[in-house]
Amino acid sequence: MRTPDSAAVPASLWQGIATAPWAMALPVLLLGTFSLLFGEHVPAGDGLGWDGLQYAAMVRDLPHMIHAGELNSYYAQRIVPPFVVREALMLARLPLDTASIIRAFEIYNLALLMIACWSWHAIVGALGMSVRGRWIGFGGIFVTYAFSKQTFYYPVLTDVTALTVALLLLQCYLRKRSVALLVVTWIGAFAWPVVGFTGALLQLFMNSRLSPGAIGLPPAARNEGGRHRRRIAIAYATILIICIAAYVYATGGNVDLSTPCQIPDVVTRLLGPGVVPCSYEAAVTGLPALLGAGLALLGLLGSWAAAASVIACLVRVKPGRIAMAGLSLLVPILIVKTISNPALENPSGIRYMLEYMTLPPPGKFLLPLVTLSVFWGPMLVLVVICWRQFSSEIRCLGPGVLGVVALAVPLGLANEPRFITVAWPFCVAGMAMALDRATLRSGFATAFVVLTLLSAQFWMPLNLAPWQPPDHAGLFEFPKQMYFMHYGLWMNWLSYGIQLPAILVGALWLRNRIEGFRHNAPDAV
């Protein structure tokens, strides 16, 4: 007969393995090594991709581009990955040709993913997550299309640098390492522009926490809050149906119909000329997503008490915190101005972002939900369907993290899911903490694992057929659509029509496996 002590040995052994630092890094290393040896590459640009052509040019001749004034401010904010790859190739005395650059970026990305795994291990330790929470979070970050497939399929990008920097920022914030946070912000600001704002928010509120009453609703208010949420859900569904009906009536089902509308001249004078054709059909299509983002921001804040607590935290910020936040922003801005040529046109800007937030491809309602879910997997779906509990956990982490996630909400509307990369680890940490408080029914692990593996697509070949030149043509057609079905701006109707129902079915499957959540207690904050 087994004694209680002997029966506990396998459980303790499993606990030790599951929480070991190497346990999460090992599967990432194995998958990355397999992709390095046998993985496919995007055919565009001879494997460099589209943006990768510019990054390869920076690897080959970055010093000359800076001195000759050939670098615009957009790419000046992305010089760290090309600089590291260039120095590594030169140190190894390897040629700066296309094949070497692609291989160097692959190795660079894999090394960063190892650092990212270590950082996630430190984060879950600081947050005191259970084994369940830390592994759900691991799946939400590393077993995604973004970082288990695209990282090696399209390696010459700055996305993995942005992810690693974001994890290090969260780690420094939780450990209250202000100087380390500043250094990481400065480095990351030259891989992903929004890092400067993220670091500044975390510096500003590093020592601030919201009041206990601002984190969750008191018991007496929960039933009333539930009634309000039902009314809001009904009102939102009504508006969505009206918008869809108005679109169908105006177009007669013709998805190619476009009725031009005028952008006020004052917008053009302030933000420059437009890049997206303005049409009433696009505006109607974007309205439900805009409204949903507004409701999400209100839900993220939670209550007037939370708003008052954020203001109180801001008032109490000490001058030293303000100085560190200012340095987080100003130093990268000054360096970018020094090394870039302001006369050169940038491929993106504020006007571009605002137009894609408000004017999505006509007729593809709730497209941000589709493209974000496809790119980031079922963790994104969980964040949406458990937004109230997720928001409560984010408020627990303080106004700095609250600001980082709030900044990601409008960025998610642009239908470029990569735009929220820096905020994604913060979102995953909040959702993993919420699931640690959840009572899960049997089958949740199966649902999450199955949906995660399906959406990650590291097992699926994207180059099913040769791509026809030129690289910028036929993006809505297969086989190129195999890659672009993950990006809302280039997702065709077939991909949209298949993926939206699949996401909704997955959302129902996951929601039915969650019984309920324990509310945050004031003494646990």
Protein backbone atom coordinates (compact mmCIF):
# COMPACT_ATOMS: atom_id res chain seq x y z
CA MET A 1 0.00 0.00 0.00
CA ARG A 2 1.30 3.48 -0.89
CA THR A 3 1.68 5.90 1.97
CA PRO A 4 0.51 9.53 1.66
CA ASP A 5 4.14 10.65 1.48
CA SER A 6 5.00 8.29 -1.36
CA ALA A 7 1.85 9.26 -3.26
CA ALA A 8 2.86 12.93 -3.03
CA VAL A 9 6.26 12.35 -4.63
CA PRO A 10 5.05 12.24 -8.27
CA ALA A 11 2.95 15.38 -7.71
CA SER A 12 5.87 17.28 -6.19
CA LEU A 13 8.14 16.07 -8.98
CA TRP A 14 5.66 17.31 -11.61
CA GLN A 15 5.35 20.62 -9.75
CA GLY A 16 9.12 21.01 -9.81
CA ILE A 17 9.39 20.26 -13.52
CA ALA A 18 6.46 22.51 -14.43
CA THR A 19 7.95 25.47 -12.56
CA ALA A 20 11.58 24.97 -13.62
CA PRO A 21 13.10 27.83 -15.66
CA TRP A 22 14.09 25.48 -18.50
CA ALA A 23 10.67 23.82 -18.81
CA MET A 24 9.19 26.58 -20.96
CA ALA A 25 12.37 27.33 -22.88
CA LEU A 26 12.82 23.72 -24.03
CA PRO A 27 9.74 23.41 -26.31
CA VAL A 28 10.44 26.86 -27.78
CA LEU A 29 14.05 25.86 -28.44
CA LEU A 30 13.03 22.57 -30.06
CA LEU A 31 10.40 24.18 -32.29
CA GLY A 32 12.76 27.02 -33.19
CA THR A 33 15.58 24.63 -34.05
CA PHE A 34 13.23 22.54 -36.20
CA SER A 35 12.09 25.70 -38.01
CA LEU A 36 15.69 26.78 -38.54
CA LEU A 37 16.55 23.45 -40.14
CA PHE A 38 13.38 22.59 -42.03
CA GLY A 39 11.06 25.60 -41.92
CA GLU A 40 9.77 27.55 -44.91
CA HIS A 41 10.36 31.24 -45.66
CA VAL A 42 8.13 33.89 -47.13
CA PRO A 43 8.82 33.91 -50.90
CA ALA A 44 8.63 37.71 -51.21
CA GLY A 45 11.94 39.52 -51.49
CA ASP A 46 13.85 36.23 -51.86
CA GLY A 47 12.90 35.35 -48.29
CA LEU A 48 13.33 38.85 -46.84
CA GLY A 49 9.67 39.79 -47.16
CA TRP A 50 8.46 43.34 -47.70
CA ASP A 51 9.72 45.37 -44.73
CA GLY A 52 12.61 42.94 -44.58
CA LEU A 53 14.07 44.44 -47.77
CA GLN A 54 14.60 47.70 -45.89
CA TYR A 55 16.00 45.95 -42.82
CA ALA A 56 18.42 44.00 -45.02
CA ALA A 57 19.56 47.26 -46.60
CA MET A 58 20.16 48.62 -43.08
CA VAL A 59 22.20 45.54 -42.19
CA ARG A 60 24.39 46.04 -45.25
CA ASP A 61 24.94 49.79 -45.01
CA LEU A 62 23.48 51.33 -41.84
CA PRO A 63 26.38 53.75 -41.07
CA HIS A 64 26.34 55.13 -44.62
CA MET A 65 22.53 55.50 -44.56
CA ILE A 66 22.74 57.61 -41.40
CA HIS A 67 25.62 59.78 -42.60
CA ALA A 68 24.14 60.26 -46.07
CA GLY A 69 20.69 61.19 -44.73
CA GLU A 70 18.99 58.16 -46.29
CA LEU A 71 17.13 57.07 -43.14
CA ASN A 72 13.62 58.37 -42.40
CA SER A 73 12.28 58.65 -38.86
CA TYR A 74 10.09 55.54 -39.28
CA TYR A 75 13.05 53.21 -39.81
CA ALA A 76 15.30 55.22 -37.49
CA GLN A 77 13.05 53.88 -34.71
CA ARG A 78 13.85 50.31 -35.79
CA ILE A 79 17.63 50.26 -36.06
CA VAL A 80 18.50 47.96 -33.13
CA PRO A 81 17.72 44.56 -34.76
CA PRO A 82 19.55 45.39 -38.05
CA PHE A 83 22.46 46.84 -36.05
CA VAL A 84 22.80 43.70 -33.88
CA VAL A 85 22.58 41.39 -36.91
CA ARG A 86 25.11 43.51 -38.82
CA GLU A 87 27.62 43.46 -35.97
CA ALA A 88 27.16 39.71 -35.45
CA LEU A 89 27.78 38.95 -39.13
CA MET A 90 30.82 41.21 -39.27
CA LEU A 91 32.21 39.68 -36.07
CA ALA A 92 31.77 36.21 -37.56
CA ARG A 93 33.33 37.47 -40.82
CA LEU A 94 30.32 36.32 -42.81
CA PRO A 95 29.10 38.02 -45.98
CA LEU A 96 26.24 40.50 -45.75
CA ASP A 97 24.25 38.69 -48.41
CA THR A 98 20.58 37.74 -48.33
CA ALA A 99 21.02 34.16 -47.14
CA SER A 100 23.34 35.19 -44.28
CA ILE A 101 21.01 38.00 -43.19
CA ILE A 102 17.98 35.69 -43.08
CA ARG A 103 19.88 33.04 -41.11
CA ALA A 104 21.30 35.64 -38.71
CA PHE A 105 17.82 37.05 -38.04
CA GLU A 106 16.52 33.53 -37.37
CA ILE A 107 19.24 32.86 -34.80
CA TYR A 108 18.79 36.33 -33.32
CA ASN A 109 15.02 35.74 -32.97
CA LEU A 110 15.53 32.34 -31.36
CA ALA A 111 18.02 33.78 -28.85
CA LEU A 112 15.52 36.52 -27.99
CA LEU A 113 12.76 33.94 -27.50
CA MET A 114 15.00 32.18 -24.95
CA ILE A 115 15.38 35.49 -23.10
CA ALA A 116 11.63 36.03 -23.37
CA CYS A 117 10.96 32.61 -21.80
CA TRP A 118 13.29 33.44 -18.91
CA SER A 119 11.56 36.78 -18.45
CA TRP A 120 8.09 35.20 -18.43
CA HIS A 121 9.31 32.76 -15.76
CA ALA A 122 10.45 35.72 -13.64
CA ILE A 123 7.15 37.54 -14.20
CA VAL A 124 4.94 34.63 -13.11
CA GLY A 125 7.15 34.21 -10.06
CA ALA A 126 6.72 37.87 -9.14
CA LEU A 127 2.96 37.59 -9.60
CA GLY A 128 2.74 34.34 -7.64
CA MET A 129 0.88 32.49 -10.39
CA SER A 130 -0.07 28.86 -10.09
CA VAL A 131 1.24 26.22 -12.49
CA ARG A 132 -2.04 26.50 -14.39
CA GLY A 133 -1.78 30.25 -14.82
CA ARG A 134 1.85 30.30 -15.89
CA TRP A 135 1.35 27.60 -18.56
CA ILE A 136 -1.82 29.16 -19.91
CA GLY A 137 0.15 32.40 -20.18
CA PHE A 138 3.00 30.56 -21.87
CA GLY A 139 0.61 29.26 -24.50
CA GLY A 140 -0.87 32.72 -24.97
CA ILE A 141 2.55 34.22 -25.74
CA PHE A 142 4.74 31.58 -27.31
CA VAL A 143 2.28 29.14 -28.92
CA THR A 144 0.72 31.73 -31.20
CA TYR A 145 0.86 32.29 -34.93
CA ALA A 146 2.90 35.43 -34.20
CA PHE A 147 5.76 33.70 -32.38
CA SER A 148 5.64 30.03 -33.31
CA LYS A 149 5.08 30.42 -37.06
CA GLN A 150 5.66 33.93 -38.37
CA THR A 151 8.89 34.40 -36.39
CA PHE A 152 10.69 31.89 -38.61
CA TYR A 153 8.53 32.14 -41.71
CA TYR A 154 9.18 35.90 -41.93
CA PRO A 155 12.26 36.37 -39.72
CA VAL A 156 13.56 39.72 -40.98
CA LEU A 157 11.26 41.82 -38.78
CA THR A 158 11.46 43.53 -35.39
CA ASP A 159 8.47 41.76 -33.78
CA VAL A 160 10.43 39.34 -31.59
CA THR A 161 12.56 42.21 -30.31
CA ALA A 162 9.38 44.06 -29.40
CA LEU A 163 7.97 41.04 -27.54
CA THR A 164 11.17 40.47 -25.56
CA VAL A 165 11.44 44.15 -24.68
CA ALA A 166 7.79 44.16 -23.54
CA LEU A 167 8.37 41.18 -21.22
CA LEU A 168 11.50 42.80 -19.78
CA LEU A 169 9.57 46.04 -19.22
CA LEU A 170 6.90 44.18 -17.27
CA GLN A 171 9.54 42.29 -15.30
CA CYS A 172 11.40 45.49 -14.37
CA TYR A 173 8.13 47.17 -13.41
CA LEU A 174 7.06 44.33 -11.11
CA ARG A 175 10.53 44.17 -9.54
CA LYS A 176 10.62 47.99 -9.26
CA ARG A 177 13.93 48.24 -11.14
CA SER A 178 13.66 51.82 -12.35
CA VAL A 179 17.11 52.17 -13.94
CA ALA A 180 16.85 48.80 -15.69
CA LEU A 181 13.41 49.82 -16.95
CA LEU A 182 14.87 53.02 -18.39
CA VAL A 183 17.67 51.18 -20.20
CA VAL A 184 15.28 48.59 -21.65
CA THR A 185 12.97 51.41 -22.77
CA TRP A 186 15.80 53.21 -24.57
CA ILE A 187 16.88 50.03 -26.36
CA GLY A 188 13.34 48.97 -27.20
CA ALA A 189 12.38 52.40 -28.53
CA PHE A 190 14.71 51.67 -31.46
CA ALA A 191 12.90 48.47 -32.33
CA TRP A 192 9.24 49.46 -31.77
CA PRO A 193 8.15 53.12 -31.43
CA VAL A 194 5.39 52.62 -28.84
CA VAL A 195 7.97 51.26 -26.35
CA GLY A 196 8.87 54.82 -25.33
CA PHE A 197 5.29 55.56 -24.26
CA THR A 198 5.02 52.19 -22.54
CA GLY A 199 8.21 52.75 -20.55
CA ALA A 200 7.14 56.28 -19.64
CA LEU A 201 3.78 55.08 -18.26
CA LEU A 202 5.45 52.35 -16.21
CA GLN A 203 8.07 54.78 -14.86
CA LEU A 204 5.44 57.36 -13.95
CA PHE A 205 3.30 54.93 -11.95
CA MET A 206 5.93 52.45 -10.75
CA ASN A 207 5.15 53.09 -7.07
CA SER A 208 1.42 53.79 -7.53
CA ARG A 209 -1.46 51.44 -6.84
CA LEU A 210 -5.19 51.99 -7.16
CA SER A 211 -7.31 52.00 -4.04
CA PRO A 212 -8.94 48.65 -3.10
CA GLY A 213 -12.38 50.04 -3.89
CA ALA A 214 -11.29 50.89 -7.44
CA ILE A 215 -10.22 47.36 -8.35
CA GLY A 216 -13.53 45.48 -8.16
CA LEU A 217 -17.18 46.13 -7.46
CA PRO A 218 -18.46 45.67 -3.88
CA PRO A 219 -20.84 42.72 -3.46
CA ALA A 220 -23.93 44.94 -3.27
CA ALA A 221 -23.17 46.48 -6.67
CA ARG A 222 -22.47 43.28 -8.59
CA ASN A 223 -26.09 42.36 -9.35
CA GLU A 224 -26.83 45.89 -10.51
CA GLY A 225 -23.70 45.80 -12.65
CA GLY A 226 -24.88 42.55 -14.22
CA ARG A 227 -28.19 44.16 -15.20
CA HIS A 228 -26.33 47.10 -16.76
CA ARG A 229 -24.09 44.75 -18.74
CA ARG A 230 -27.10 42.90 -20.14
CA ARG A 231 -28.68 46.18 -21.24
CA ILE A 232 -25.43 47.31 -22.85
CA ALA A 233 -25.04 43.96 -24.64
CA ILE A 234 -28.58 44.18 -26.03
CA ALA A 235 -28.05 47.79 -27.14
CA TYR A 236 -24.74 46.90 -28.79
CA ALA A 237 -26.23 43.90 -30.61
CA THR A 238 -29.05 46.16 -31.85
CA ILE A 239 -26.59 48.74 -33.21
CA LEU A 240 -24.55 46.00 -34.89
CA ILE A 241 -27.64 44.59 -36.60
CA ILE A 242 -28.73 48.07 -37.73
CA CYS A 243 -25.27 48.77 -39.21
CA ILE A 244 -25.23 45.44 -41.05
CA ALA A 245 -28.76 46.03 -42.36
CA ALA A 246 -27.86 49.56 -43.46
CA TYR A 247 -24.78 48.29 -45.29
CA VAL A 248 -26.69 45.51 -47.07
CA TYR A 249 -29.50 47.91 -48.03
CA ALA A 250 -27.11 50.56 -49.36
CA THR A 251 -24.94 48.17 -51.36
CA GLY A 252 -27.49 45.56 -52.37
CA GLY A 253 -24.92 42.95 -51.41
CA ASN A 254 -22.30 44.31 -53.81
CA VAL A 255 -19.10 44.29 -51.77
CA ASP A 256 -17.30 46.35 -54.41
CA LEU A 257 -19.72 49.27 -54.17
CA SER A 258 -18.13 52.41 -52.68
CA THR A 259 -19.78 55.77 -52.08
CA PRO A 260 -17.06 58.39 -51.53
CA CYS A 261 -17.24 60.73 -48.56
CA GLN A 262 -15.23 63.86 -47.81
CA ILE A 263 -12.65 64.21 -45.07
CA PRO A 264 -12.73 67.75 -43.58
CA ASP A 265 -9.87 69.94 -44.84
CA VAL A 266 -8.83 70.74 -41.28
CA VAL A 267 -7.89 67.06 -40.79
CA THR A 268 -5.69 67.13 -43.86
CA ARG A 269 -3.98 70.35 -42.74
CA LEU A 270 -3.24 68.90 -39.31
CA LEU A 271 -2.36 65.30 -40.19
CA GLY A 272 -1.41 65.36 -43.86
CA PRO A 273 -3.03 63.82 -46.94
CA GLY A 274 -5.08 60.68 -46.67
CA VAL A 275 -4.00 57.20 -47.70
CA VAL A 276 -7.30 55.32 -47.38
CA PRO A 277 -10.31 56.07 -49.64
CA CYS A 278 -13.12 57.38 -47.47
CA SER A 279 -16.51 55.79 -48.13
CA TYR A 280 -19.78 55.66 -46.25
CA GLU A 281 -19.72 51.85 -46.50
CA ALA A 282 -16.37 51.73 -44.71
CA ALA A 283 -17.54 54.18 -42.04
CA VAL A 284 -20.66 52.08 -41.31
CA THR A 285 -18.54 48.93 -41.18
CA GLY A 286 -16.13 50.47 -38.67
CA LEU A 287 -18.77 51.92 -36.37
CA PRO A 288 -19.49 48.75 -34.30
CA ALA A 289 -15.77 48.15 -33.69
CA LEU A 290 -15.28 51.79 -32.66
CA LEU A 291 -18.22 51.53 -30.27
CA GLY A 292 -16.89 48.23 -28.91
CA ALA A 293 -13.48 49.82 -28.27
CA GLY A 294 -15.13 52.66 -26.38
CA LEU A 295 -17.09 50.23 -24.22
CA ALA A 296 -13.91 48.21 -23.65
CA LEU A 297 -12.09 51.30 -22.39
CA LEU A 298 -14.96 52.10 -20.02
CA GLY A 299 -14.97 48.51 -18.78
CA LEU A 300 -11.20 48.59 -18.34
CA LEU A 301 -11.54 51.55 -16.02
CA GLY A 302 -14.48 49.92 -14.28
CA SER A 303 -16.00 52.72 -12.24
CA TRP A 304 -15.83 56.36 -11.27
CA ALA A 305 -13.93 55.25 -8.18
CA ALA A 306 -11.20 53.85 -10.41
CA ALA A 307 -11.06 57.08 -12.42
CA ALA A 308 -10.76 59.08 -9.22
CA SER A 309 -8.05 56.72 -7.97
CA VAL A 310 -6.04 57.10 -11.20
CA ILE A 311 -6.24 60.90 -10.89
CA ALA A 312 -5.17 60.68 -7.24
CA CYS A 313 -2.19 58.51 -8.23
CA LEU A 314 -1.23 61.04 -10.90
CA VAL A 315 -1.40 63.92 -8.44
CA ARG A 316 0.82 62.06 -5.98
CA VAL A 317 3.56 61.22 -8.53
CA LYS A 318 6.92 62.45 -7.28
CA PRO A 319 9.24 64.66 -9.38
CA GLY A 320 11.77 61.84 -9.71
CA ARG A 321 9.15 59.63 -11.35
CA ILE A 322 8.22 62.45 -13.74
CA ALA A 323 11.89 62.92 -14.64
CA MET A 324 12.36 59.21 -15.39
CA ALA A 325 9.22 59.16 -17.53
CA GLY A 326 10.44 62.22 -19.41
CA LEU A 327 13.82 60.62 -20.06
CA SER A 328 12.07 57.50 -21.36
CA LEU A 329 10.45 59.60 -24.08
CA LEU A 330 12.84 62.44 -24.79
CA VAL A 331 16.15 60.60 -25.24
CA PRO A 332 14.86 58.33 -28.07
CA ILE A 333 13.09 61.29 -29.72
CA LEU A 334 16.28 63.36 -29.73
CA ILE A 335 18.37 60.50 -31.11
CA VAL A 336 15.84 59.78 -33.86
CA LYS A 337 15.88 63.45 -34.88
CA THR A 338 19.67 63.34 -34.97
CA ILE A 339 20.07 60.24 -37.14
CA SER A 340 17.06 60.60 -39.46
CA ASN A 341 16.31 62.87 -42.40
CA PRO A 342 13.04 64.78 -41.81
CA ALA A 343 12.70 65.48 -45.54
CA LEU A 344 12.13 61.78 -46.28
CA GLU A 345 8.57 60.48 -46.37
CA ASN A 346 7.49 57.87 -43.81
CA PRO A 347 5.47 54.81 -44.83
CA SER A 348 3.13 55.27 -41.87
CA GLY A 349 1.94 57.96 -39.50
CA ILE A 350 -0.91 59.21 -37.31
CA ARG A 351 -3.20 59.87 -40.28
CA TYR A 352 -2.61 56.36 -41.56
CA MET A 353 -3.45 54.87 -38.17
CA LEU A 354 -6.61 56.92 -37.65
CA GLU A 355 -7.95 56.09 -41.09
CA TYR A 356 -7.46 52.37 -40.70
CA MET A 357 -9.12 52.54 -37.27
CA THR A 358 -12.22 54.24 -38.64
CA LEU A 359 -12.33 53.03 -42.27
CA PRO A 360 -11.86 49.23 -42.39
CA PRO A 361 -12.51 47.15 -45.53
CA PRO A 362 -16.24 47.68 -46.21
CA GLY A 363 -18.63 44.95 -45.13
CA LYS A 364 -16.22 43.03 -42.90
CA PHE A 365 -17.88 43.83 -39.59
CA LEU A 366 -15.94 43.14 -36.37
CA LEU A 367 -12.81 42.62 -38.45
CA PRO A 368 -10.47 43.69 -35.58
CA LEU A 369 -11.84 40.83 -33.47
CA VAL A 370 -11.18 38.37 -36.30
CA THR A 371 -7.66 39.46 -37.18
CA LEU A 372 -6.54 39.81 -33.55
CA SER A 373 -7.95 36.39 -32.62
CA VAL A 374 -6.36 34.69 -35.62
CA PHE A 375 -2.99 36.29 -34.90
CA TRP A 376 -2.89 35.92 -31.11
CA GLY A 377 -5.00 32.79 -30.62
CA PRO A 378 -7.62 31.80 -28.03
CA MET A 379 -6.00 33.91 -25.31
CA LEU A 380 -7.30 36.98 -27.14
CA VAL A 381 -10.76 35.39 -27.25
CA LEU A 382 -10.59 34.77 -23.50
CA VAL A 383 -9.62 38.39 -22.89
CA VAL A 384 -12.70 39.54 -24.84
CA ILE A 385 -15.26 37.20 -23.27
CA CYS A 386 -13.84 37.71 -19.74
CA TRP A 387 -13.16 41.45 -20.13
CA ARG A 388 -14.60 42.43 -16.74
CA GLN A 389 -12.48 39.96 -14.78
CA PHE A 390 -9.45 40.70 -16.96
CA SER A 391 -9.86 44.44 -16.34
CA SER A 392 -10.03 43.89 -12.61
CA GLU A 393 -6.67 42.08 -12.68
CA ILE A 394 -5.13 44.82 -14.83
CA ARG A 395 -6.25 47.43 -12.30
CA CYS A 396 -4.58 45.30 -9.61
CA LEU A 397 -1.27 45.82 -11.42
CA GLY A 398 -1.56 49.58 -11.13
CA PRO A 399 -2.35 52.60 -13.32
CA GLY A 400 0.84 52.13 -15.36
CA VAL A 401 -0.24 48.73 -16.68
CA LEU A 402 -3.79 50.04 -17.02
CA GLY A 403 -2.46 52.78 -19.31
CA VAL A 404 -0.44 50.31 -21.40
CA VAL A 405 -3.50 48.12 -22.04
CA ALA A 406 -5.72 51.16 -22.66
CA LEU A 407 -3.27 52.34 -25.33
CA ALA A 408 -3.52 48.93 -27.04
CA VAL A 409 -7.32 49.06 -27.42
CA PRO A 410 -7.40 51.72 -30.18
CA LEU A 411 -4.25 50.26 -31.78
CA GLY A 412 -6.13 46.97 -32.13
CA LEU A 413 -8.74 48.71 -34.30
CA ALA A 414 -6.21 49.30 -37.10
CA ASN A 415 -6.54 45.66 -38.28
CA GLU A 416 -2.76 45.18 -38.10
CA PRO A 417 -2.58 42.74 -35.15
CA ARG A 418 1.18 43.31 -34.80
CA PHE A 419 0.46 46.82 -33.51
CA ILE A 420 -0.41 45.53 -30.02
CA THR A 421 2.73 43.38 -29.66
CA VAL A 422 4.22 45.45 -26.84
CA ALA A 423 0.98 45.38 -24.83
CA TRP A 424 0.37 41.67 -25.43
CA PRO A 425 2.46 40.26 -22.52
CA PHE A 426 0.64 42.66 -20.18
CA CYS A 427 -2.70 41.37 -21.49
CA VAL A 428 -1.61 37.74 -21.13
CA ALA A 429 -0.44 38.32 -17.56
CA GLY A 430 -3.78 39.89 -16.65
CA MET A 431 -5.80 37.06 -18.22
CA ALA A 432 -3.62 34.37 -16.67
CA MET A 433 -4.13 35.97 -13.25
CA ALA A 434 -7.89 36.05 -13.85
CA LEU A 435 -7.93 32.36 -14.78
CA ASP A 436 -6.02 31.62 -11.59
CA ARG A 437 -9.12 32.94 -9.79
CA ALA A 438 -11.51 31.02 -12.01
CA THR A 439 -13.36 27.79 -11.35
CA LEU A 440 -12.84 25.83 -14.56
CA ARG A 441 -15.02 22.95 -15.68
CA SER A 442 -13.54 19.73 -16.99
CA GLY A 443 -12.59 20.14 -20.60
CA PHE A 444 -11.23 23.68 -20.37
CA ALA A 445 -7.65 22.47 -20.77
CA THR A 446 -8.65 20.43 -23.81
CA ALA A 447 -10.46 23.37 -25.39
CA PHE A 448 -7.59 25.78 -24.76
CA VAL A 449 -4.87 23.40 -25.97
CA VAL A 450 -6.76 22.38 -29.11
CA LEU A 451 -7.64 25.95 -30.08
CA THR A 452 -4.11 27.14 -29.30
CA LEU A 453 -2.45 24.48 -31.46
CA LEU A 454 -4.90 25.03 -34.31
CA SER A 455 -4.45 28.81 -34.35
CA ALA A 456 -0.63 28.70 -33.94
CA GLN A 457 -0.29 27.02 -37.36
CA PHE A 458 3.40 26.16 -36.90
CA TRP A 459 2.44 22.79 -38.37
CA MET A 460 0.82 24.20 -41.52
CA PRO A 461 2.80 24.96 -44.70
CA LEU A 462 1.90 28.38 -46.09
CA ASN A 463 3.77 28.02 -49.38
CA LEU A 464 1.38 25.48 -50.85
CA ALA A 465 2.05 26.77 -54.35
CA PRO A 466 4.62 29.07 -55.98
CA TRP A 467 3.98 32.80 -55.60
CA GLN A 468 3.58 34.67 -58.82
CA PRO A 469 5.50 37.97 -59.15
CA PRO A 470 5.31 40.81 -58.35
CA ASP A 471 5.41 40.50 -54.56
CA HIS A 472 2.85 43.30 -53.98
CA ALA A 473 0.21 41.85 -56.31
CA GLY A 474 -2.46 39.22 -55.69
CA LEU A 475 -2.41 39.46 -51.90
CA PHE A 476 -6.13 38.60 -51.72
CA GLU A 477 -5.64 35.49 -53.83
CA PHE A 478 -4.28 32.10 -52.89
CA PRO A 479 -1.55 31.03 -52.28
CA LYS A 480 -0.50 34.49 -50.99
CA GLN A 481 -3.71 34.66 -49.00
CA MET A 482 -2.39 31.79 -46.85
CA TYR A 483 -0.16 34.40 -45.21
CA PHE A 484 -2.38 37.47 -45.50
CA MET A 485 -5.49 35.81 -44.07
CA HIS A 486 -4.00 36.76 -40.68
CA TYR A 487 -4.03 40.48 -41.47
CA GLY A 488 -7.34 42.30 -41.56
CA LEU A 489 -6.37 44.83 -44.20
CA TRP A 490 -5.64 42.05 -46.72
CA MET A 491 -7.97 39.30 -45.51
CA ASN A 492 -10.22 38.20 -48.36
CA TRP A 493 -13.90 37.38 -48.04
CA LEU A 494 -13.38 33.62 -48.01
CA SER A 495 -10.87 33.81 -45.15
CA TYR A 496 -13.10 36.24 -43.24
CA GLY A 497 -16.18 34.08 -43.81
CA ILE A 498 -14.45 30.97 -42.45
CA GLN A 499 -12.52 32.53 -39.57
CA LEU A 500 -15.29 34.64 -37.99
CA PRO A 501 -17.64 31.69 -37.32
CA ALA A 502 -14.71 29.56 -36.14
CA ILE A 503 -13.74 32.24 -33.61
CA LEU A 504 -17.32 32.55 -32.35
CA VAL A 505 -17.59 28.77 -31.92
CA GLY A 506 -14.26 28.73 -30.09
CA ALA A 507 -15.44 31.55 -27.82
CA LEU A 508 -18.59 29.59 -26.88
CA TRP A 509 -16.52 26.47 -26.24
CA LEU A 510 -14.15 28.31 -23.90
CA ARG A 511 -16.88 30.29 -22.11
CA ASN A 512 -18.87 27.13 -21.38
CA ARG A 513 -15.79 25.63 -19.71
CA ILE A 514 -15.52 28.51 -17.21
CA GLU A 515 -17.87 28.20 -14.26
CA GLY A 516 -17.10 31.50 -12.54
CA PHE A 517 -14.49 33.81 -11.02
CA ARG A 518 -13.56 34.63 -7.46
CA HIS A 519 -13.59 38.39 -6.96
CA ASN A 520 -10.49 40.30 -5.92
CA ALA A 521 -10.37 40.86 -2.19
CA PRO A 522 -9.06 44.25 -0.98
CA ASP A 523 -6.49 42.60 1.27
CA ALA A 524 -5.11 40.63 -1.69
CA VAL A 525 -4.18 43.73 -3.70
